Each structure stands twice: as structure tokens, then as C-alpha cells.
Amino acid sequence: MTKVVLPELAEGVDKAIVSYWYFKEGEKVNEKDDLVEITTDKATFNLPSPCLGTVAEIFFHAGDTVNVGETLGIIEEIQ
């Protein structure tokens, strides 16, 4: 399993809001596919999938606030 973690964004930015997930639990994703859209008070960006696999679990949904370093979801890797 691979964790999808909210990375460091910019100096002074320690949280973001989940805008939209491009995939649902159970759907297959390719490495580097846009996985989730994240919004801060300064910018909106897409977080890519870290690996090829299936979205196993989503912990934060649209509108939820996430702190840097928290796990957004889990991808079950396909070998």
C-alpha cells in the first residue's frame, strides 16, 4: 500500500482544502495521473498519483481541511 500524503506546499502554508478527487475508491489509477485537486489560500494544484494501483481508501473528501504531512488516501499498488 502507498500513502497519498499532502506534501509541503510553500513557506508558511501548513494546510489545504480538498477540492475534488478525480477517482473514486475501487478505481484504477496510473502513476502520475491527476489524483486529487487541493486548494490553499494562494493557489490550486493537482496532486498526482504516486504509483500504479487501485484507490483503496480516501480519508479526506471535498471541503475537508488537511494539514501538511497528513495522509489523504491509500493506493493499493498493482505489481
PDB file of N, CA and C in Angstrom:
ATOM      1  N   MET A   1       0.837  -1.184   0.000  1.00  0.00           N
ATOM      2  CA  MET A   1       0.000   0.000   0.000  1.00  0.00           C
ATOM      3  C   MET A   1       0.880   1.243   0.000  1.00  0.00           C
ATOM      4  N   THR A   2       0.423   2.243  -0.725  1.00  0.00           N
ATOM      5  CA  THR A   2       1.138   3.510  -0.792  1.00  0.00           C
ATOM      6  C   THR A   2       0.240   4.615  -0.254  1.00  0.00           C
ATOM      7  N   LYS A   3       0.774   5.389   0.661  1.00  0.00           N
ATOM      8  CA  LYS A   3       0.028   6.516   1.214  1.00  0.00           C
ATOM      9  C   LYS A   3       0.127   7.705   0.274  1.00  0.00           C
ATOM     10  N   VAL A   4      -0.983   8.411   0.115  1.00  0.00           N
ATOM     11  CA  VAL A   4      -1.006   9.675  -0.616  1.00  0.00           C
ATOM     12  C   VAL A   4      -0.985  10.754   0.458  1.00  0.00           C
ATOM     13  N   VAL A   5       0.150  11.427   0.585  1.00  0.00           N
ATOM     14  CA  VAL A   5       0.374  12.378   1.670  1.00  0.00           C
ATOM     15  C   VAL A   5       0.385  13.800   1.122  1.00  0.00           C
ATOM     16  N   LEU A   6      -0.215  14.730   1.862  1.00  0.00           N
ATOM     17  CA  LEU A   6      -0.163  16.137   1.467  1.00  0.00           C
ATOM     18  C   LEU A   6       1.258  16.636   1.677  1.00  0.00           C
ATOM     19  N   PRO A   7       1.948  17.006   0.585  1.00  0.00           N
ATOM     20  CA  PRO A   7       3.346  17.426   0.705  1.00  0.00           C
ATOM     21  C   PRO A   7       3.465  18.856   1.218  1.00  0.00           C
ATOM     22  N   GLU A   8       4.696  19.262   1.530  1.00  0.00           N
ATOM     23  CA  GLU A   8       4.947  20.663   1.848  1.00  0.00           C
ATOM     24  C   GLU A   8       4.598  21.472   0.639  1.00  0.00           C
ATOM     25  N   LEU A   9       3.901  22.569   0.855  1.00  0.00           N
ATOM     26  CA  LEU A   9       3.373  23.338  -0.257  1.00  0.00           C
ATOM     27  C   LEU A   9       4.208  24.586  -0.534  1.00  0.00           C
ATOM     28  N   ALA A  10       4.319  25.443   0.437  1.00  0.00           N
ATOM     29  CA  ALA A  10       5.093  26.683   0.316  1.00  0.00           C
ATOM     30  C   ALA A  10       5.384  27.162   1.729  1.00  0.00           C
ATOM     31  N   GLU A  11       6.344  28.030   1.841  1.00  0.00           N
ATOM     32  CA  GLU A  11       6.689  28.548   3.158  1.00  0.00           C
ATOM     33  C   GLU A  11       5.475  29.240   3.776  1.00  0.00           C
ATOM     34  N   GLY A  12       5.166  28.872   5.000  1.00  0.00           N
ATOM     35  CA  GLY A  12       4.052  29.473   5.720  1.00  0.00           C
ATOM     36  C   GLY A  12       2.702  28.835   5.440  1.00  0.00           C
ATOM     37  N   VAL A  13       2.639  27.892   4.514  1.00  0.00           N
ATOM     38  CA  VAL A  13       1.388  27.199   4.205  1.00  0.00           C
ATOM     39  C   VAL A  13       1.440  25.828   4.866  1.00  0.00           C
ATOM     40  N   ASP A  14       0.550  25.612   5.835  1.00  0.00           N
ATOM     41  CA  ASP A  14       0.595  24.351   6.574  1.00  0.00           C
ATOM     42  C   ASP A  14      -0.671  23.511   6.436  1.00  0.00           C
ATOM     43  N   LYS A  15      -1.631  23.989   5.628  1.00  0.00           N
ATOM     44  CA  LYS A  15      -2.852  23.216   5.413  1.00  0.00           C
ATOM     45  C   LYS A  15      -3.451  23.576   4.056  1.00  0.00           C
ATOM     46  N   ALA A  16      -4.349  22.725   3.595  1.00  0.00           N
ATOM     47  CA  ALA A  16      -5.022  22.923   2.320  1.00  0.00           C
ATOM     48  C   ALA A  16      -6.416  22.316   2.410  1.00  0.00           C
ATOM     49  N   ILE A  17      -7.232  22.633   1.429  1.00  0.00           N
ATOM     50  CA  ILE A  17      -8.589  22.094   1.365  1.00  0.00           C
ATOM     51  C   ILE A  17      -8.694  21.172   0.160  1.00  0.00           C
ATOM     52  N   VAL A  18      -9.277  19.992   0.373  1.00  0.00           N
ATOM     53  CA  VAL A  18      -9.525  19.069  -0.730  1.00  0.00           C
ATOM     54  C   VAL A  18     -10.666  19.644  -1.562  1.00  0.00           C
ATOM     55  N   SER A  19     -10.401  19.843  -2.858  1.00  0.00           N
ATOM     56  CA  SER A  19     -11.435  20.367  -3.757  1.00  0.00           C
ATOM     57  C   SER A  19     -12.199  19.248  -4.450  1.00  0.00           C
ATOM     58  N   TYR A  20     -11.427  18.262  -4.959  1.00  0.00           N
ATOM     59  CA  TYR A  20     -12.059  17.265  -5.820  1.00  0.00           C
ATOM     60  C   TYR A  20     -11.147  16.053  -5.970  1.00  0.00           C
ATOM     61  N   TRP A  21     -11.703  14.875  -5.900  1.00  0.00           N
ATOM     62  CA  TRP A  21     -10.976  13.642  -6.216  1.00  0.00           C
ATOM     63  C   TRP A  21     -11.340  13.252  -7.642  1.00  0.00           C
ATOM     64  N   TYR A  22     -10.355  12.962  -8.462  1.00  0.00           N
ATOM     65  CA  TYR A  22     -10.582  12.562  -9.845  1.00  0.00           C
ATOM     66  C   TYR A  22     -10.965  11.091  -9.965  1.00  0.00           C
ATOM     67  N   PHE A  23     -10.691  10.306  -8.928  1.00  0.00           N
ATOM     68  CA  PHE A  23     -11.006   8.876  -8.918  1.00  0.00           C
ATOM     69  C   PHE A  23     -11.761   8.547  -7.634  1.00  0.00           C
ATOM     70  N   LYS A  24     -12.561   7.484  -7.697  1.00  0.00           N
ATOM     71  CA  LYS A  24     -13.304   7.010  -6.525  1.00  0.00           C
ATOM     72  C   LYS A  24     -12.611   5.767  -5.975  1.00  0.00           C
ATOM     73  N   GLU A  25     -12.961   5.407  -4.747  1.00  0.00           N
ATOM     74  CA  GLU A  25     -12.447   4.170  -4.170  1.00  0.00           C
ATOM     75  C   GLU A  25     -12.795   3.011  -5.093  1.00  0.00           C
ATOM     76  N   GLY A  26     -11.818   2.141  -5.315  1.00  0.00           N
ATOM     77  CA  GLY A  26     -12.024   0.987  -6.180  1.00  0.00           C
ATOM     78  C   GLY A  26     -11.603   1.211  -7.625  1.00  0.00           C
ATOM     79  N   GLU A  27     -11.339   2.447  -8.016  1.00  0.00           N
ATOM     80  CA  GLU A  27     -10.946   2.732  -9.396  1.00  0.00           C
ATOM     81  C   GLU A  27      -9.433   2.635  -9.571  1.00  0.00           C
ATOM     82  N   LYS A  28      -9.031   2.205 -10.755  1.00  0.00           N
ATOM     83  CA  LYS A  28      -7.614   2.057 -11.084  1.00  0.00           C
ATOM     84  C   LYS A  28      -7.034   3.416 -11.484  1.00  0.00           C
ATOM     85  N   VAL A  29      -5.798   3.685 -11.028  1.00  0.00           N
ATOM     86  CA  VAL A  29      -5.083   4.903 -11.395  1.00  0.00           C
ATOM     87  C   VAL A  29      -3.704   4.535 -11.932  1.00  0.00           C
ATOM     88  N   ASN A  30      -3.204   5.346 -12.833  1.00  0.00           N
ATOM     89  CA  ASN A  30      -1.844   5.190 -13.343  1.00  0.00           C
ATOM     90  C   ASN A  30      -0.931   6.132 -12.577  1.00  0.00           C
ATOM     91  N   GLU A  31       0.331   5.784 -12.502  1.00  0.00           N
ATOM     92  CA  GLU A  31       1.299   6.668 -11.871  1.00  0.00           C
ATOM     93  C   GLU A  31       1.271   8.016 -12.594  1.00  0.00           C
ATOM     94  N   LYS A  32       1.257   9.084 -11.818  1.00  0.00           N
ATOM     95  CA  LYS A  32       1.266  10.474 -12.283  1.00  0.00           C
ATOM     96  C   LYS A  32      -0.066  10.971 -12.826  1.00  0.00           C
ATOM     97  N   ASP A  33      -1.138  10.145 -12.788  1.00  0.00           N
ATOM     98  CA  ASP A  33      -2.474  10.659 -13.099  1.00  0.00           C
ATOM     99  C   ASP A  33      -2.832  11.712 -12.068  1.00  0.00           C
ATOM    100  N   ASP A  34      -3.546  12.764 -12.487  1.00  0.00           N
ATOM    101  CA  ASP A  34      -4.072  13.712 -11.505  1.00  0.00           C
ATOM    102  C   ASP A  34      -5.014  12.942 -10.597  1.00  0.00           C
ATOM    103  N   LEU A  35      -4.739  12.979  -9.306  1.00  0.00           N
ATOM    104  CA  LEU A  35      -5.497  12.175  -8.348  1.00  0.00           C
ATOM    105  C   LEU A  35      -6.478  13.015  -7.550  1.00  0.00           C
ATOM    106  N   VAL A  36      -5.996  14.145  -7.023  1.00  0.00           N
ATOM    107  CA  VAL A  36      -6.829  14.983  -6.166  1.00  0.00           C
ATOM    108  C   VAL A  36      -6.445  16.447  -6.373  1.00  0.00           C
ATOM    109  N   GLU A  37      -7.461  17.307  -6.403  1.00  0.00           N
ATOM    110  CA  GLU A  37      -7.225  18.746  -6.504  1.00  0.00           C
ATOM    111  C   GLU A  37      -7.236  19.342  -5.100  1.00  0.00           C
ATOM    112  N   ILE A  38      -6.216  20.149  -4.818  1.00  0.00           N
ATOM    113  CA  ILE A  38      -6.018  20.749  -3.499  1.00  0.00           C
ATOM    114  C   ILE A  38      -5.999  22.274  -3.656  1.00  0.00           C
ATOM    115  N   THR A  39      -6.600  22.976  -2.711  1.00  0.00           N
ATOM    116  CA  THR A  39      -6.630  24.439  -2.748  1.00  0.00           C
ATOM    117  C   THR A  39      -6.055  25.007  -1.458  1.00  0.00           C
ATOM    118  N   THR A  40      -5.195  26.012  -1.608  1.00  0.00           N
ATOM    119  CA  THR A  40      -4.713  26.773  -0.454  1.00  0.00           C
ATOM    120  C   THR A  40      -5.242  28.195  -0.617  1.00  0.00           C
ATOM    121  N   ASP A  41      -4.904  29.062   0.319  1.00  0.00           N
ATOM    122  CA  ASP A  41      -5.356  30.446   0.191  1.00  0.00           C
ATOM    123  C   ASP A  41      -4.644  31.179  -0.945  1.00  0.00           C
ATOM    124  N   LYS A  42      -3.584  30.568  -1.498  1.00  0.00           N
ATOM    125  CA  LYS A  42      -2.806  31.218  -2.550  1.00  0.00           C
ATOM    126  C   LYS A  42      -2.896  30.540  -3.911  1.00  0.00           C
ATOM    127  N   ALA A  43      -3.207  29.248  -3.961  1.00  0.00           N
ATOM    128  CA  ALA A  43      -3.173  28.534  -5.236  1.00  0.00           C
ATOM    129  C   ALA A  43      -4.020  27.262  -5.195  1.00  0.00           C
ATOM    130  N   THR A  44      -4.294  26.752  -6.399  1.00  0.00           N
ATOM    131  CA  THR A  44      -4.956  25.463  -6.569  1.00  0.00           C
ATOM    132  C   THR A  44      -4.024  24.590  -7.382  1.00  0.00           C
ATOM    133  N   PHE A  45      -3.863  23.342  -6.968  1.00  0.00           N
ATOM    134  CA  PHE A  45      -2.981  22.450  -7.717  1.00  0.00           C
ATOM    135  C   PHE A  45      -3.483  21.018  -7.647  1.00  0.00           C
ATOM    136  N   ASN A  46      -3.004  20.192  -8.583  1.00  0.00           N
ATOM    137  CA  ASN A  46      -3.347  18.773  -8.615  1.00  0.00           C
ATOM    138  C   ASN A  46      -2.209  17.964  -8.025  1.00  0.00           C
ATOM    139  N   LEU A  47      -2.558  17.014  -7.204  1.00  0.00           N
ATOM    140  CA  LEU A  47      -1.587  16.096  -6.636  1.00  0.00           C
ATOM    141  C   LEU A  47      -1.646  14.811  -7.465  1.00  0.00           C
ATOM    142  N   PRO A  48      -0.514  14.380  -8.048  1.00  0.00           N
ATOM    143  CA  PRO A  48      -0.541  13.187  -8.891  1.00  0.00           C
ATOM    144  C   PRO A  48      -0.481  11.893  -8.077  1.00  0.00           C
ATOM    145  N   SER A  49      -0.928  10.829  -8.702  1.00  0.00           N
ATOM    146  CA  SER A  49      -0.825   9.508  -8.078  1.00  0.00           C
ATOM    147  C   SER A  49       0.640   9.110  -7.984  1.00  0.00           C
ATOM    148  N   PRO A  50       1.082   8.627  -6.830  1.00  0.00           N
ATOM    149  CA  PRO A  50       2.484   8.237  -6.671  1.00  0.00           C
ATOM    150  C   PRO A  50       2.825   6.888  -7.307  1.00  0.00           C
ATOM    151  N   CYS A  51       1.792   6.133  -7.730  1.00  0.00           N
ATOM    152  CA  CYS A  51       2.054   4.801  -8.274  1.00  0.00           C
ATOM    153  C   CYS A  51       0.864   4.302  -9.081  1.00  0.00           C
ATOM    154  N   LEU A  52       1.074   3.190  -9.791  1.00  0.00           N
ATOM    155  CA  LEU A  52       0.010   2.475 -10.483  1.00  0.00           C
ATOM    156  C   LEU A  52      -0.716   1.625  -9.450  1.00  0.00           C
ATOM    157  N   GLY A  53      -2.038   1.690  -9.449  1.00  0.00           N
ATOM    158  CA  GLY A  53      -2.763   0.881  -8.483  1.00  0.00           C
ATOM    159  C   GLY A  53      -4.245   1.176  -8.465  1.00  0.00           C
ATOM    160  N   THR A  54      -4.873   0.788  -7.376  1.00  0.00           N
ATOM    161  CA  THR A  54      -6.296   0.995  -7.155  1.00  0.00           C
ATOM    162  C   THR A  54      -6.481   1.863  -5.924  1.00  0.00           C
ATOM    163  N   VAL A  55      -7.351   2.854  -6.033  1.00  0.00           N
ATOM    164  CA  VAL A  55      -7.642   3.703  -4.869  1.00  0.00           C
ATOM    165  C   VAL A  55      -8.360   2.832  -3.839  1.00  0.00           C
ATOM    166  N   ALA A  56      -7.677   2.557  -2.741  1.00  0.00           N
ATOM    167  CA  ALA A  56      -8.217   1.652  -1.727  1.00  0.00           C
ATOM    168  C   ALA A  56      -9.084   2.385  -0.712  1.00  0.00           C
ATOM    169  N   GLU A  57      -8.641   3.577  -0.322  1.00  0.00           N
ATOM    170  CA  GLU A  57      -9.369   4.312   0.715  1.00  0.00           C
ATOM    171  C   GLU A  57      -9.078   5.800   0.595  1.00  0.00           C
ATOM    172  N   ILE A  58     -10.111   6.606   0.784  1.00  0.00           N
ATOM    173  CA  ILE A  58      -9.988   8.073   0.790  1.00  0.00           C
ATOM    174  C   ILE A  58     -10.356   8.539   2.199  1.00  0.00           C
ATOM    175  N   PHE A  59      -9.428   9.276   2.835  1.00  0.00           N
ATOM    176  CA  PHE A  59      -9.651   9.726   4.214  1.00  0.00           C
ATOM    177  C   PHE A  59     -10.246  11.125   4.303  1.00  0.00           C
ATOM    178  N   PHE A  60      -9.948  11.973   3.330  1.00  0.00           N
ATOM    179  CA  PHE A  60     -10.458  13.347   3.321  1.00  0.00           C
ATOM    180  C   PHE A  60     -11.220  13.576   2.023  1.00  0.00           C
ATOM    181  N   HIS A  61     -12.376  14.216   2.124  1.00  0.00           N
ATOM    182  CA  HIS A  61     -13.249  14.414   0.967  1.00  0.00           C
ATOM    183  C   HIS A  61     -13.377  15.909   0.657  1.00  0.00           C
ATOM    184  N   ALA A  62     -14.055  16.224  -0.442  1.00  0.00           N
ATOM    185  CA  ALA A  62     -14.223  17.611  -0.879  1.00  0.00           C
ATOM    186  C   ALA A  62     -14.707  18.482   0.281  1.00  0.00           C
ATOM    187  N   GLY A  63     -13.982  19.583   0.494  1.00  0.00           N
ATOM    188  CA  GLY A  63     -14.331  20.522   1.560  1.00  0.00           C
ATOM    189  C   GLY A  63     -13.568  20.306   2.847  1.00  0.00           C
ATOM    190  N   ASP A  64     -12.911  19.154   2.991  1.00  0.00           N
ATOM    191  CA  ASP A  64     -12.148  18.864   4.204  1.00  0.00           C
ATOM    192  C   ASP A  64     -10.813  19.609   4.202  1.00  0.00           C
ATOM    193  N   THR A  65     -10.401  20.057   5.374  1.00  0.00           N
ATOM    194  CA  THR A  65      -9.097  20.702   5.543  1.00  0.00           C
ATOM    195  C   THR A  65      -8.084  19.647   5.977  1.00  0.00           C
ATOM    196  N   VAL A  66      -6.916  19.677   5.329  1.00  0.00           N
ATOM    197  CA  VAL A  66      -5.864  18.690   5.577  1.00  0.00           C
ATOM    198  C   VAL A  66      -4.580  19.425   5.936  1.00  0.00           C
ATOM    199  N   ASN A  67      -3.871  18.940   6.941  1.00  0.00           N
ATOM    200  CA  ASN A  67      -2.586  19.508   7.320  1.00  0.00           C
ATOM    201  C   ASN A  67      -1.462  18.851   6.520  1.00  0.00           C
ATOM    202  N   VAL A  68      -0.424  19.615   6.251  1.00  0.00           N
ATOM    203  CA  VAL A  68       0.754  19.076   5.571  1.00  0.00           C
ATOM    204  C   VAL A  68       1.245  17.849   6.336  1.00  0.00           C
ATOM    205  N   GLY A  69       1.535  16.776   5.603  1.00  0.00           N
ATOM    206  CA  GLY A  69       2.012  15.548   6.217  1.00  0.00           C
ATOM    207  C   GLY A  69       0.924  14.528   6.509  1.00  0.00           C
ATOM    208  N   GLU A  70      -0.339  14.947   6.456  1.00  0.00           N
ATOM    209  CA  GLU A  70      -1.428  14.003   6.707  1.00  0.00           C
ATOM    210  C   GLU A  70      -1.680  13.144   5.466  1.00  0.00           C
ATOM    211  N   THR A  71      -2.192  11.948   5.699  1.00  0.00           N
ATOM    212  CA  THR A  71      -2.492  11.022   4.612  1.00  0.00           C
ATOM    213  C   THR A  71      -3.881  11.295   4.064  1.00  0.00           C
ATOM    214  N   LEU A  72      -3.928  11.605   2.756  1.00  0.00           N
ATOM    215  CA  LEU A  72      -5.203  11.875   2.087  1.00  0.00           C
ATOM    216  C   LEU A  72      -5.940  10.582   1.744  1.00  0.00           C
ATOM    217  N   GLY A  73      -5.171   9.566   1.387  1.00  0.00           N
ATOM    218  CA  GLY A  73      -5.760   8.306   0.984  1.00  0.00           C
ATOM    219  C   GLY A  73      -4.698   7.230   0.817  1.00  0.00           C
ATOM    220  N   ILE A  74      -5.153   6.053   0.418  1.00  0.00           N
ATOM    221  CA  ILE A  74      -4.277   4.888   0.238  1.00  0.00           C
ATOM    222  C   ILE A  74      -4.492   4.322  -1.165  1.00  0.00           C
ATOM    223  N   ILE A  75      -3.376   3.979  -1.826  1.00  0.00           N
ATOM    224  CA  ILE A  75      -3.460   3.298  -3.109  1.00  0.00           C
ATOM    225  C   ILE A  75      -2.846   1.908  -2.930  1.00  0.00           C
ATOM    226  N   GLU A  76      -3.609   0.907  -3.345  1.00  0.00           N
ATOM    227  CA  GLU A  76      -3.127  -0.472  -3.343  1.00  0.00           C
ATOM    228  C   GLU A  76      -2.384  -0.673  -4.644  1.00  0.00           C
ATOM    229  N   GLU A  77      -1.079  -0.849  -4.532  1.00  0.00           N
ATOM    230  CA  GLU A  77      -0.243  -0.954  -5.720  1.00  0.00           C
ATOM    231  C   GLU A  77      -0.515  -2.214  -6.515  1.00  0.00           C
ATOM    232  N   ILE A  78      -0.408  -2.081  -7.840  1.00  0.00           N
ATOM    233  CA  ILE A  78      -0.526  -3.221  -8.753  1.00  0.00           C
ATOM    234  C   ILE A  78       0.881  -3.569  -9.199  1.00  0.00           C
ATOM    235  N   GLN A  79       1.255  -4.799  -9.015  1.00  0.00           N
ATOM    236  CA  GLN A  79       2.609  -5.229  -9.393  1.00  0.00           C
ATOM    237  C   GLN A  79       2.664  -5.665 -10.834  1.00  0.00           C
TER     238      GLN A  79
END
